[in-house]
C-alpha atoms as a PDB file:
ATOM      1  CA  MET A   1      -8.558  -0.837 -16.660  1.00  0.00           C
ATOM      2  CA  ILE A   2     -11.775  -0.557 -14.684  1.00  0.00           C
ATOM      3  CA  LYS A   3     -12.094   2.160 -12.045  1.00  0.00           C
ATOM      4  CA  ARG A   4     -13.085   2.159  -8.394  1.00  0.00           C
ATOM      5  CA  ASN A   5     -14.039   4.906  -5.951  1.00  0.00           C
ATOM      6  CA  LEU A   6     -12.239   5.590  -2.692  1.00  0.00           C
ATOM      7  CA  GLY A   7     -14.596   7.428  -0.380  1.00  0.00           C
ATOM      8  CA  ASN A   8     -17.237   9.519  -2.082  1.00  0.00           C
ATOM      9  CA  ASN A   9     -15.619  10.567  -5.317  1.00  0.00           C
ATOM     10  CA  LEU A  10     -11.909   9.809  -5.581  1.00  0.00           C
ATOM     11  CA  GLU A  11     -11.821   7.654  -8.714  1.00  0.00           C
ATOM     12  CA  VAL A  12      -8.739   5.492  -9.265  1.00  0.00           C
ATOM     13  CA  SER A  13      -7.796   2.436 -11.294  1.00  0.00           C
ATOM     14  CA  ALA A  14      -8.968  -0.790  -9.629  1.00  0.00           C
ATOM     15  CA  ILE A  15      -5.319  -1.790  -9.220  1.00  0.00           C
ATOM     16  CA  GLY A  16      -2.693   0.798  -8.365  1.00  0.00           C
ATOM     17  CA  LEU A  17       1.096   0.691  -8.285  1.00  0.00           C
ATOM     18  CA  GLY A  18       3.054   0.754  -5.039  1.00  0.00           C
ATOM     19  CA  CYS A  19       6.323   2.509  -5.823  1.00  0.00           C
ATOM     20  CA  MET A  20       8.231   2.096  -2.536  1.00  0.00           C
ATOM     21  CA  GLY A  21      10.290  -0.915  -3.609  1.00  0.00           C
ATOM     22  CA  MET A  22      11.750   0.948  -6.550  1.00  0.00           C
ATOM     23  CA  SER A  23      13.838   3.023  -4.142  1.00  0.00           C
ATOM     24  CA  PHE A  24      13.616   1.525  -0.689  1.00  0.00           C
ATOM     25  CA  GLY A  25      12.846  -1.495   1.460  1.00  0.00           C
ATOM     26  CA  TYR A  26      13.924  -4.341  -0.800  1.00  0.00           C
ATOM     27  CA  GLY A  27      17.620  -3.766  -1.247  1.00  0.00           C
ATOM     28  CA  PRO A  28      19.488  -1.221  -3.405  1.00  0.00           C
ATOM     29  CA  PRO A  29      17.403   1.202  -5.515  1.00  0.00           C
ATOM     30  CA  SER A  30      16.467  -0.047  -8.969  1.00  0.00           C
ATOM     31  CA  ASP A  31      17.689   1.561 -12.182  1.00  0.00           C
ATOM     32  CA  LYS A  32      16.022   4.947 -12.488  1.00  0.00           C
ATOM     33  CA  ALA A  33      15.479   4.834 -16.254  1.00  0.00           C
ATOM     34  CA  GLU A  34      13.915   1.366 -16.013  1.00  0.00           C
ATOM     35  CA  MET A  35      11.563   2.438 -13.238  1.00  0.00           C
ATOM     36  CA  ILE A  36      10.453   5.497 -15.215  1.00  0.00           C
ATOM     37  CA  LYS A  37       9.812   3.238 -18.201  1.00  0.00           C
ATOM     38  CA  LEU A  38       7.802   0.879 -15.972  1.00  0.00           C
ATOM     39  CA  MET A  39       5.630   3.719 -14.635  1.00  0.00           C
ATOM     40  CA  HIS A  40       5.026   5.054 -18.141  1.00  0.00           C
ATOM     41  CA  LYS A  41       3.910   1.605 -19.263  1.00  0.00           C
ATOM     42  CA  ALA A  42       1.647   1.353 -16.215  1.00  0.00           C
ATOM     43  CA  VAL A  43      -0.124   4.546 -17.280  1.00  0.00           C
ATOM     44  CA  GLU A  44      -0.508   3.146 -20.797  1.00  0.00           C
ATOM     45  CA  GLU A  45      -2.071   0.018 -19.261  1.00  0.00           C
ATOM     46  CA  GLY A  46      -4.667   2.144 -17.489  1.00  0.00           C
ATOM     47  CA  ILE A  47      -3.125   2.329 -14.015  1.00  0.00           C
ATOM     48  CA  THR A  48      -3.879   5.788 -12.668  1.00  0.00           C
ATOM     49  CA  PHE A  49      -3.075   5.367  -8.959  1.00  0.00           C
ATOM     50  CA  PHE A  50       0.528   5.656  -7.751  1.00  0.00           C
ATOM     51  CA  ASP A  51       1.659   5.376  -4.135  1.00  0.00           C
ATOM     52  CA  THR A  52       4.759   6.877  -2.531  1.00  0.00           C
ATOM     53  CA  ALA A  53       5.873   8.569   0.727  1.00  0.00           C
ATOM     54  CA  GLU A  54       8.509  11.013   1.911  1.00  0.00           C
ATOM     55  CA  VAL A  55      10.109   8.308   4.074  1.00  0.00           C
ATOM     56  CA  TYR A  56      10.742   5.993   1.099  1.00  0.00           C
ATOM     57  CA  GLY A  57      14.414   6.624   0.544  1.00  0.00           C
ATOM     58  CA  PRO A  58      13.953   8.915   2.399  1.00  0.00           C
ATOM     59  CA  PHE A  59      12.800  11.378  -0.270  1.00  0.00           C
ATOM     60  CA  THR A  60      14.228   9.614  -3.332  1.00  0.00           C
ATOM     61  CA  ASN A  61      11.063   7.697  -4.187  1.00  0.00           C
ATOM     62  CA  GLU A  62       8.996  10.871  -4.355  1.00  0.00           C
ATOM     63  CA  GLU A  63      11.615  12.397  -6.657  1.00  0.00           C
ATOM     64  CA  LEU A  64      11.462   9.337  -8.912  1.00  0.00           C
ATOM     65  CA  VAL A  65       7.666   9.279  -9.022  1.00  0.00           C
ATOM     66  CA  GLY A  66       7.522  13.014  -9.641  1.00  0.00           C
ATOM     67  CA  GLU A  67       9.893  12.823 -12.590  1.00  0.00           C
ATOM     68  CA  ALA A  68       8.221   9.746 -14.079  1.00  0.00           C
ATOM     69  CA  LEU A  69       4.647  10.998 -13.852  1.00  0.00           C
ATOM     70  CA  ARG A  70       5.169  14.632 -14.761  1.00  0.00           C
ATOM     71  CA  PRO A  71       4.160  14.065 -18.429  1.00  0.00           C
ATOM     72  CA  TYR A  72       0.948  12.361 -17.242  1.00  0.00           C
ATOM     73  CA  ARG A  73      -0.012  14.695 -14.406  1.00  0.00           C
ATOM     74  CA  ASP A  74      -3.580  15.213 -15.620  1.00  0.00           C
ATOM     75  CA  GLN A  75      -4.146  11.450 -15.975  1.00  0.00           C
ATOM     76  CA  VAL A  76      -2.942  10.145 -12.621  1.00  0.00           C
ATOM     77  CA  ILE A  77      -3.707  10.199  -8.903  1.00  0.00           C
ATOM     78  CA  ILE A  78      -0.580  10.535  -6.763  1.00  0.00           C
ATOM     79  CA  ALA A  79      -0.742   9.531  -3.111  1.00  0.00           C
ATOM     80  CA  THR A  80       1.971  10.339  -0.596  1.00  0.00           C
ATOM     81  CA  LYS A  81       2.378  10.318   3.175  1.00  0.00           C
ATOM     82  CA  PHE A  82       3.687  12.356   6.100  1.00  0.00           C
ATOM     83  CA  GLY A  83       4.222  11.384   9.704  1.00  0.00           C
ATOM     84  CA  PHE A  84       7.815  10.364  10.328  1.00  0.00           C
ATOM     85  CA  GLU A  85      10.718  12.210  11.884  1.00  0.00           C
ATOM     86  CA  ILE A  86      13.634  11.824   9.488  1.00  0.00           C
ATOM     87  CA  ASP A  87      17.191  12.190  10.735  1.00  0.00           C
ATOM     88  CA  PRO A  88      19.191  13.955   7.982  1.00  0.00           C
ATOM     89  CA  VAL A  89      22.500  12.624   9.296  1.00  0.00           C
ATOM     90  CA  GLN A  90      21.458   8.975   9.527  1.00  0.00           C
ATOM     91  CA  ASN A  91      19.197   9.408   6.477  1.00  0.00           C
ATOM     92  CA  ARG A  92      16.431   7.309   7.991  1.00  0.00           C
ATOM     93  CA  HIS A  93      13.295   7.722  10.051  1.00  0.00           C
ATOM     94  CA  VAL A  94      13.682   7.849  13.816  1.00  0.00           C
ATOM     95  CA  GLY A  95      10.087   7.772  15.023  1.00  0.00           C
ATOM     96  CA  VAL A  96       6.710   9.284  14.264  1.00  0.00           C
ATOM     97  CA  ASN A  97       5.966  12.996  14.166  1.00  0.00           C
ATOM     98  CA  SER A  98       2.629  14.475  13.146  1.00  0.00           C
ATOM     99  CA  ARG A  99       2.856  17.867  14.825  1.00  0.00           C
ATOM    100  CA  PRO A 100       1.099  20.459  12.636  1.00  0.00           C
ATOM    101  CA  GLU A 101       4.316  22.289  11.753  1.00  0.00           C
ATOM    102  CA  LYS A 102       5.940  18.985  10.791  1.00  0.00           C
ATOM    103  CA  ILE A 103       2.996  18.055   8.565  1.00  0.00           C
ATOM    104  CA  ARG A 104       3.278  21.388   6.766  1.00  0.00           C
ATOM    105  CA  GLN A 105       7.025  20.980   6.342  1.00  0.00           C
ATOM    106  CA  ALA A 106       6.559  17.465   4.953  1.00  0.00           C
ATOM    107  CA  VAL A 107       3.869  18.566   2.500  1.00  0.00           C
ATOM    108  CA  GLU A 108       5.989  21.423   1.158  1.00  0.00           C
ATOM    109  CA  GLY A 109       8.846  18.975   0.589  1.00  0.00           C
ATOM    110  CA  SER A 110       6.581  16.418  -1.088  1.00  0.00           C
ATOM    111  CA  LEU A 111       5.106  19.006  -3.449  1.00  0.00           C
ATOM    112  CA  LYS A 112       8.592  20.036  -4.590  1.00  0.00           C
ATOM    113  CA  ARG A 113       9.878  16.490  -5.034  1.00  0.00           C
ATOM    114  CA  LEU A 114       6.735  15.322  -6.820  1.00  0.00           C
ATOM    115  CA  LYS A 115       6.762  18.437  -9.021  1.00  0.00           C
ATOM    116  CA  ILE A 116       3.059  19.039  -8.431  1.00  0.00           C
ATOM    117  CA  ASP A 117       0.893  21.872  -7.113  1.00  0.00           C
ATOM    118  CA  THR A 118      -1.442  19.711  -5.076  1.00  0.00           C
ATOM    119  CA  ILE A 119      -1.261  16.212  -3.552  1.00  0.00           C
ATOM    120  CA  ASP A 120      -4.202  14.121  -4.703  1.00  0.00           C
ATOM    121  CA  LEU A 121      -4.340  11.865  -1.630  1.00  0.00           C
ATOM    122  CA  LEU A 122      -2.432  12.811   1.502  1.00  0.00           C
ATOM    123  CA  TYR A 123      -2.066  10.144   4.193  1.00  0.00           C
ATOM    124  CA  GLN A 124      -0.854  10.202   7.743  1.00  0.00           C
ATOM    125  CA  HIS A 125       1.677   7.353   7.447  1.00  0.00           C
ATOM    126  CA  ARG A 126       1.417   6.153  11.043  1.00  0.00           C
ATOM    127  CA  VAL A 127      -0.619   7.420  13.976  1.00  0.00           C
ATOM    128  CA  ASP A 128       1.355   9.675  16.336  1.00  0.00           C
ATOM    129  CA  PRO A 129       0.229   8.940  19.921  1.00  0.00           C
ATOM    130  CA  LYS A 130       1.521  12.344  21.047  1.00  0.00           C
ATOM    131  CA  VAL A 131      -0.665  14.358  18.663  1.00  0.00           C
ATOM    132  CA  PRO A 132      -4.483  14.090  18.837  1.00  0.00           C
ATOM    133  CA  ILE A 133      -5.847  12.789  15.549  1.00  0.00           C
ATOM    134  CA  GLU A 134      -8.301  15.723  15.549  1.00  0.00           C
ATOM    135  CA  GLU A 135      -5.331  18.084  15.354  1.00  0.00           C
ATOM    136  CA  VAL A 136      -3.837  16.109  12.470  1.00  0.00           C
ATOM    137  CA  ALA A 137      -7.136  16.102  10.574  1.00  0.00           C
ATOM    138  CA  GLY A 138      -7.574  19.812  11.241  1.00  0.00           C
ATOM    139  CA  THR A 139      -4.133  20.569   9.804  1.00  0.00           C
ATOM    140  CA  VAL A 140      -4.855  18.536   6.670  1.00  0.00           C
ATOM    141  CA  LYS A 141      -8.233  20.281   6.391  1.00  0.00           C
ATOM    142  CA  ASP A 142      -6.396  23.613   6.310  1.00  0.00           C
ATOM    143  CA  LEU A 143      -3.976  22.279   3.682  1.00  0.00           C
ATOM    144  CA  ILE A 144      -6.903  21.166   1.531  1.00  0.00           C
ATOM    145  CA  SER A 145      -8.530  24.602   1.843  1.00  0.00           C
ATOM    146  CA  GLU A 146      -5.182  26.105   0.749  1.00  0.00           C
ATOM    147  CA  GLY A 147      -5.165  23.873  -2.345  1.00  0.00           C
ATOM    148  CA  LYS A 148      -2.126  21.850  -1.287  1.00  0.00           C
ATOM    149  CA  ALA A 149      -4.025  18.573  -1.038  1.00  0.00           C
ATOM    150  CA  LYS A 150      -7.334  17.197  -2.274  1.00  0.00           C
ATOM    151  CA  TYR A 151      -8.184  14.112  -0.204  1.00  0.00           C
ATOM    152  CA  PHE A 152      -7.236  12.834   3.251  1.00  0.00           C
ATOM    153  CA  GLY A 153      -6.174   9.310   4.167  1.00  0.00           C
ATOM    154  CA  LEU A 154      -4.874   7.350   7.139  1.00  0.00           C
ATOM    155  CA  SER A 155      -2.522   4.377   7.178  1.00  0.00           C
ATOM    156  CA  GLU A 156      -2.640   1.462   9.657  1.00  0.00           C
ATOM    157  CA  ALA A 157      -4.997   3.390  11.944  1.00  0.00           C
ATOM    158  CA  GLY A 158      -7.429   1.725  14.341  1.00  0.00           C
ATOM    159  CA  ALA A 159     -11.211   1.985  14.097  1.00  0.00           C
ATOM    160  CA  ASN A 160     -11.567   4.531  16.905  1.00  0.00           C
ATOM    161  CA  THR A 161      -8.864   6.777  15.434  1.00  0.00           C
ATOM    162  CA  ILE A 162     -10.527   6.618  12.019  1.00  0.00           C
ATOM    163  CA  ARG A 163     -13.896   7.585  13.488  1.00  0.00           C
ATOM    164  CA  ARG A 164     -12.437  10.535  15.389  1.00  0.00           C
ATOM    165  CA  ALA A 165     -10.562  11.844  12.344  1.00  0.00           C
ATOM    166  CA  HIS A 166     -13.618  11.440  10.121  1.00  0.00           C
ATOM    167  CA  VAL A 167     -15.628  13.796  12.350  1.00  0.00           C
ATOM    168  CA  VAL A 168     -13.154  16.601  11.654  1.00  0.00           C
ATOM    169  CA  LEU A 169     -12.387  15.859   8.002  1.00  0.00           C
ATOM    170  CA  THR A 170     -13.767  13.249   5.633  1.00  0.00           C
ATOM    171  CA  VAL A 171     -11.339  10.345   5.400  1.00  0.00           C
ATOM    172  CA  SER A 172     -11.383   9.059   1.821  1.00  0.00           C
ATOM    173  CA  ALA A 173      -9.062   6.092   2.217  1.00  0.00           C
ATOM    174  CA  LEU A 174      -7.418   3.875   4.769  1.00  0.00           C
ATOM    175  CA  GLN A 175      -4.206   2.249   3.610  1.00  0.00           C
ATOM    176  CA  SER A 176      -3.458  -0.982   5.437  1.00  0.00           C
ATOM    177  CA  GLU A 177      -1.917  -4.345   4.712  1.00  0.00           C
ATOM    178  CA  TYR A 178      -4.544  -6.771   3.413  1.00  0.00           C
ATOM    179  CA  SER A 179      -4.254 -10.098   1.647  1.00  0.00           C
ATOM    180  CA  LEU A 180      -5.377 -13.688   1.933  1.00  0.00           C
ATOM    181  CA  TRP A 181      -2.805 -14.260   4.702  1.00  0.00           C
ATOM    182  CA  THR A 182      -3.155 -10.874   6.465  1.00  0.00           C
ATOM    183  CA  ARG A 183      -6.774 -10.445   7.474  1.00  0.00           C
ATOM    184  CA  GLN A 184      -6.744  -9.043  11.011  1.00  0.00           C
ATOM    185  CA  HIS A 185      -8.483  -5.851   9.831  1.00  0.00           C
ATOM    186  CA  GLU A 186     -11.646  -7.766   8.968  1.00  0.00           C
ATOM    187  CA  LYS A 187     -12.724  -7.868  12.621  1.00  0.00           C
ATOM    188  CA  GLU A 188     -13.164  -4.172  13.460  1.00  0.00           C
ATOM    189  CA  ILE A 189     -11.550  -1.919  10.896  1.00  0.00           C
ATOM    190  CA  ILE A 190     -13.166  -3.013   7.634  1.00  0.00           C
ATOM    191  CA  PRO A 191     -16.688  -2.902   9.140  1.00  0.00           C
ATOM    192  CA  ALA A 192     -15.935   0.600  10.472  1.00  0.00           C
ATOM    193  CA  ILE A 193     -14.733   2.009   7.170  1.00  0.00           C
ATOM    194  CA  GLU A 194     -17.592   0.308   5.331  1.00  0.00           C
ATOM    195  CA  GLU A 195     -20.033   2.068   7.653  1.00  0.00           C
ATOM    196  CA  LEU A 196     -18.300   5.420   7.119  1.00  0.00           C
ATOM    197  CA  GLY A 197     -17.947   5.093   3.344  1.00  0.00           C
ATOM    198  CA  ILE A 198     -14.142   5.030   3.383  1.00  0.00           C
ATOM    199  CA  GLY A 199     -12.157   3.089   0.781  1.00  0.00           C
ATOM    200  CA  LEU A 200      -9.417   0.590   1.598  1.00  0.00           C
ATOM    201  CA  VAL A 201      -6.077   0.756  -0.189  1.00  0.00           C
ATOM    202  CA  ALA A 202      -4.496  -2.661   0.307  1.00  0.00           C
ATOM    203  CA  TYR A 203      -0.719  -2.620   0.457  1.00  0.00           C
ATOM    204  CA  SER A 204       1.360  -5.809   0.251  1.00  0.00           C
ATOM    205  CA  PRO A 205      -1.573  -7.688  -1.359  1.00  0.00           C
ATOM    206  CA  LEU A 206       0.990 -10.237  -2.583  1.00  0.00           C
ATOM    207  CA  GLY A 207       2.559 -10.728   0.838  1.00  0.00           C
ATOM    208  CA  LYS A 208       5.773  -8.864  -0.070  1.00  0.00           C
ATOM    209  CA  GLY A 209       6.234 -11.333  -2.907  1.00  0.00           C
ATOM    210  CA  TYR A 210       5.595 -14.562  -1.026  1.00  0.00           C
ATOM    211  CA  LEU A 211       2.093 -15.144  -2.383  1.00  0.00           C
ATOM    212  CA  THR A 212       3.389 -15.083  -5.966  1.00  0.00           C
ATOM    213  CA  GLY A 213       4.999 -18.475  -5.323  1.00  0.00           C
ATOM    214  CA  LYS A 214       8.375 -17.155  -6.467  1.00  0.00           C
ATOM    215  CA  ILE A 215       9.919 -17.180  -2.978  1.00  0.00           C
ATOM    216  CA  ASP A 216      10.867 -20.387  -1.168  1.00  0.00           C
ATOM    217  CA  GLU A 217      13.170 -21.481   1.661  1.00  0.00           C
ATOM    218  CA  ASN A 218      16.189 -21.188  -0.657  1.00  0.00           C
ATOM    219  CA  THR A 219      15.507 -17.575  -1.605  1.00  0.00           C
ATOM    220  CA  SER A 220      18.179 -15.163  -0.407  1.00  0.00           C
ATOM    221  CA  PHE A 221      17.138 -11.586   0.341  1.00  0.00           C
ATOM    222  CA  GLY A 222      19.736  -8.920  -0.418  1.00  0.00           C
ATOM    223  CA  GLN A 223      21.276  -6.417   1.957  1.00  0.00           C
ATOM    224  CA  GLY A 224      18.760  -3.764   2.978  1.00  0.00           C
ATOM    225  CA  ASP A 225      15.760  -5.996   2.220  1.00  0.00           C
ATOM    226  CA  ILE A 226      13.173  -5.548   4.974  1.00  0.00           C
ATOM    227  CA  ARG A 227      12.197  -9.223   4.709  1.00  0.00           C
ATOM    228  CA  ASN A 228      15.506 -10.154   6.367  1.00  0.00           C
ATOM    229  CA  ILE A 229      14.102  -8.985   9.715  1.00  0.00           C
ATOM    230  CA  LEU A 230      10.407  -9.894   9.401  1.00  0.00           C
ATOM    231  CA  PRO A 231       9.252 -13.021  11.281  1.00  0.00           C
ATOM    232  CA  ARG A 232       7.038 -14.234   8.443  1.00  0.00           C
ATOM    233  CA  TYR A 233       9.993 -14.516   6.066  1.00  0.00           C
ATOM    234  CA  THR A 234      12.376 -16.662   8.084  1.00  0.00           C
ATOM    235  CA  GLU A 235      13.381 -19.896   6.361  1.00  0.00           C
ATOM    236  CA  GLU A 236      11.203 -21.886   8.771  1.00  0.00           C
ATOM    237  CA  ALA A 237       8.162 -19.669   8.162  1.00  0.00           C
ATOM    238  CA  ARG A 238       8.585 -19.835   4.399  1.00  0.00           C
ATOM    239  CA  ILE A 239       8.499 -23.621   4.583  1.00  0.00           C
ATOM    240  CA  ALA A 240       5.575 -23.724   7.013  1.00  0.00           C
ATOM    241  CA  ASN A 241       3.464 -21.263   4.996  1.00  0.00           C
ATOM    242  CA  LYS A 242       3.602 -23.219   1.742  1.00  0.00           C
ATOM    243  CA  ALA A 243       0.068 -24.482   2.364  1.00  0.00           C
ATOM    244  CA  MET A 244      -1.173 -21.020   1.398  1.00  0.00           C
ATOM    245  CA  LEU A 245       0.763 -21.257  -1.863  1.00  0.00           C
ATOM    246  CA  HIS A 246      -0.766 -24.654  -2.613  1.00  0.00           C
ATOM    247  CA  LEU A 247      -4.228 -23.138  -2.175  1.00  0.00           C
ATOM    248  CA  LEU A 248      -3.476 -20.267  -4.562  1.00  0.00           C
ATOM    249  CA  SER A 249      -1.863 -22.636  -7.046  1.00  0.00           C
ATOM    250  CA  GLU A 250      -4.923 -24.882  -7.054  1.00  0.00           C
ATOM    251  CA  ILE A 251      -7.265 -21.996  -7.895  1.00  0.00           C
ATOM    252  CA  ALA A 252      -4.795 -20.475 -10.367  1.00  0.00           C
ATOM    253  CA  GLU A 253      -4.606 -23.690 -12.360  1.00  0.00           C
ATOM    254  CA  ARG A 254      -8.374 -23.880 -12.522  1.00  0.00           C
ATOM    255  CA  LYS A 255      -8.703 -20.246 -13.670  1.00  0.00           C
ATOM    256  CA  ASN A 256      -5.755 -20.346 -16.087  1.00  0.00           C
ATOM    257  CA  ALA A 257      -4.074 -17.588 -14.088  1.00  0.00           C
ATOM    258  CA  THR A 258      -0.978 -17.064 -11.954  1.00  0.00           C
ATOM    259  CA  GLN A 259      -0.894 -17.291  -8.164  1.00  0.00           C
ATOM    260  CA  ALA A 260      -0.277 -13.536  -7.973  1.00  0.00           C
ATOM    261  CA  GLN A 261      -3.352 -12.852 -10.102  1.00  0.00           C
ATOM    262  CA  ILE A 262      -5.519 -15.055  -7.887  1.00  0.00           C
ATOM    263  CA  ALA A 263      -4.198 -13.336  -4.749  1.00  0.00           C
ATOM    264  CA  LEU A 264      -5.095  -9.950  -6.263  1.00  0.00           C
ATOM    265  CA  ALA A 265      -8.450 -11.186  -7.582  1.00  0.00           C
ATOM    266  CA  TRP A 266      -9.327 -12.287  -4.038  1.00  0.00           C
ATOM    267  CA  VAL A 267      -8.627  -8.786  -2.676  1.00  0.00           C
ATOM    268  CA  LEU A 268     -10.645  -7.193  -5.483  1.00  0.00           C
ATOM    269  CA  ALA A 269     -13.562  -9.552  -4.873  1.00  0.00           C
ATOM    270  CA  LYS A 270     -13.849  -8.729  -1.173  1.00  0.00           C
ATOM    271  CA  ARG A 271     -15.423  -5.269  -1.625  1.00  0.00           C
ATOM    272  CA  PRO A 272     -15.940  -2.926  -4.603  1.00  0.00           C
ATOM    273  CA  TRP A 273     -14.159  -0.149  -2.697  1.00  0.00           C
ATOM    274  CA  ILE A 274     -10.904  -2.008  -2.041  1.00  0.00           C
ATOM    275  CA  VAL A 275      -7.953  -1.113  -4.269  1.00  0.00           C
ATOM    276  CA  PRO A 276      -4.777  -3.230  -4.055  1.00  0.00           C
ATOM    277  CA  ILE A 277      -1.460  -1.507  -4.800  1.00  0.00           C
ATOM    278  CA  PRO A 278       1.054  -4.273  -5.542  1.00  0.00           C
ATOM    279  CA  GLY A 279       4.604  -3.042  -5.937  1.00  0.00           C
ATOM    280  CA  THR A 280       7.149  -4.349  -8.388  1.00  0.00           C
ATOM    281  CA  THR A 281      10.335  -3.367 -10.166  1.00  0.00           C
ATOM    282  CA  LYS A 282       9.745  -5.771 -13.074  1.00  0.00           C
ATOM    283  CA  MET A 283       7.809  -4.799 -16.169  1.00  0.00           C
ATOM    284  CA  HIS A 284       6.342  -8.269 -16.738  1.00  0.00           C
ATOM    285  CA  ARG A 285       5.145  -8.470 -13.138  1.00  0.00           C
ATOM    286  CA  MET A 286       3.406  -5.100 -13.425  1.00  0.00           C
ATOM    287  CA  LEU A 287       1.592  -6.304 -16.556  1.00  0.00           C
ATOM    288  CA  GLU A 288       0.713  -9.599 -14.864  1.00  0.00           C
ATOM    289  CA  ASN A 289      -0.668  -7.777 -11.816  1.00  0.00           C
ATOM    290  CA  ALA A 290      -2.656  -5.293 -13.891  1.00  0.00           C
ATOM    291  CA  SER A 291      -4.417  -8.058 -15.769  1.00  0.00           C
ATOM    292  CA  ALA A 292      -5.758  -9.510 -12.507  1.00  0.00           C
ATOM    293  CA  VAL A 293      -8.735  -7.177 -12.968  1.00  0.00           C
ATOM    294  CA  ASN A 294      -9.913  -9.546 -15.721  1.00  0.00           C
ATOM    295  CA  ILE A 295     -10.243 -12.491 -13.326  1.00  0.00           C
ATOM    296  CA  THR A 296     -13.548 -12.953 -11.546  1.00  0.00           C
ATOM    297  CA  LEU A 297     -13.831 -15.261  -8.585  1.00  0.00           C
ATOM    298  CA  THR A 298     -17.323 -16.619  -8.072  1.00  0.00           C
ATOM    299  CA  ALA A 299     -19.013 -16.603  -4.670  1.00  0.00           C
ATOM    300  CA  ASP A 300     -18.437 -20.362  -4.491  1.00  0.00           C
ATOM    301  CA  GLU A 301     -14.743 -19.961  -5.290  1.00  0.00           C
ATOM    302  CA  LEU A 302     -14.388 -17.267  -2.618  1.00  0.00           C
ATOM    303  CA  ARG A 303     -16.080 -19.479  -0.061  1.00  0.00           C
ATOM    304  CA  GLU A 304     -13.843 -22.367  -1.037  1.00  0.00           C
ATOM    305  CA  MET A 305     -10.681 -20.293  -0.756  1.00  0.00           C
ATOM    306  CA  GLU A 306     -11.621 -18.830   2.594  1.00  0.00           C
ATOM    307  CA  SER A 307     -12.807 -22.124   4.010  1.00  0.00           C
ATOM    308  CA  LYS A 308      -9.481 -23.733   3.137  1.00  0.00           C
ATOM    309  CA  ALA A 309      -7.507 -20.683   4.281  1.00  0.00           C
ATOM    310  CA  GLU A 310      -9.153 -20.889   7.722  1.00  0.00           C
ATOM    311  CA  HIS A 311      -7.450 -24.232   8.262  1.00  0.00           C
ATOM    312  CA  ILE A 312      -4.011 -22.879   7.396  1.00  0.00           C
ATOM    313  CA  LYS A 313      -2.034 -21.599  10.365  1.00  0.00           C
ATOM    314  CA  ILE A 314       0.207 -18.789   9.194  1.00  0.00           C
ATOM    315  CA  VAL A 315       3.609 -18.932  10.865  1.00  0.00           C
ATOM    316  CA  GLY A 316       5.318 -15.652  11.759  1.00  0.00           C
ATOM    317  CA  ASN A 317       3.935 -12.200  12.516  1.00  0.00           C
ATOM    318  CA  ARG A 318       3.892  -9.695   9.672  1.00  0.00           C
ATOM    319  CA  TYR A 319       6.193  -7.280  11.574  1.00  0.00           C
ATOM    320  CA  THR A 320       8.567  -7.433  14.506  1.00  0.00           C
ATOM    321  CA  GLU A 321       7.035  -6.588  17.883  1.00  0.00           C
ATOM    322  CA  GLN A 322       8.822  -3.243  17.969  1.00  0.00           C
ATOM    323  CA  MET A 323       7.605  -2.322  14.490  1.00  0.00           C
ATOM    324  CA  GLU A 324       4.018  -3.235  15.353  1.00  0.00           C
ATOM    325  CA  LYS A 325       4.211  -1.050  18.456  1.00  0.00           C
ATOM    326  CA  SER A 326       5.849   1.949  16.896  1.00  0.00           C
ATOM    327  CA  THR A 327       6.752   2.961  13.406  1.00  0.00           C
ATOM    328  CA  GLY A 328       6.439  -0.091  11.176  1.00  0.00           C
ATOM    329  CA  LEU A 329       6.544   0.177   7.385  1.00  0.00           C
END
């Protein structure tokens, strides 16, 4: 597996592994032993970058990742996130909270659950409008000086917020959704982080499974699957958005690859400092995704894909209006 740099010197595998879906977001948690086996195989395949958060579960995903990666601690980069208020009775998040004392509390919990002494990459999960980003960055700066974290990241932050945080503490990575059908960050955010030397960690690079071509209008999402409430995954939207699948299929056939691999290859080709973190609970999908690093899209192929994609109107927003405004996931 080739490596890429996030920020100045945080070296990670060019494709990481998003671990959220193993415990949260897509229905009931997957079998623990199988997920540990999958993560071990990922390390063997050269994946060194693993993504989790305290809110995934809540808490259970960090516990799973911590147990799975403990034997490989010196070989992997573990990223986690703070920034949500979690109601212990309802066992779910109930809004954002990045007050300094809450950040410290979250980090102490993450360190215990992950069974590590320091968090490699510590993100603010969502911007808290009630806490100045300078205060958040200052708190993380203190945590880094105390040895509890190494690198600082933001997730789904706007360009101005990123710039303000970066003045206080170097931001190594921005984690945001990015794929061939989710490109709104190209207007302001990607130019800003390129200027500042910040890496982009692309979550949902396979469109929460849709861009693999394995989901159609007949697919039924299980109870607890976030796609049940997202506008882009209604039956009507899944039918309307098939044009994007046809585009991926056309290129995949030409390159002797899968649609998922082409979708990932497109993300990788956009900038050398973008690292996609596709999530999966299936061993064969993880192996398929990892091998996308071996596919090179030429400049002509990129132009062709993007030219055709421009004429495809994507139906359905990526999140509900309330999620876009507030907490989102």
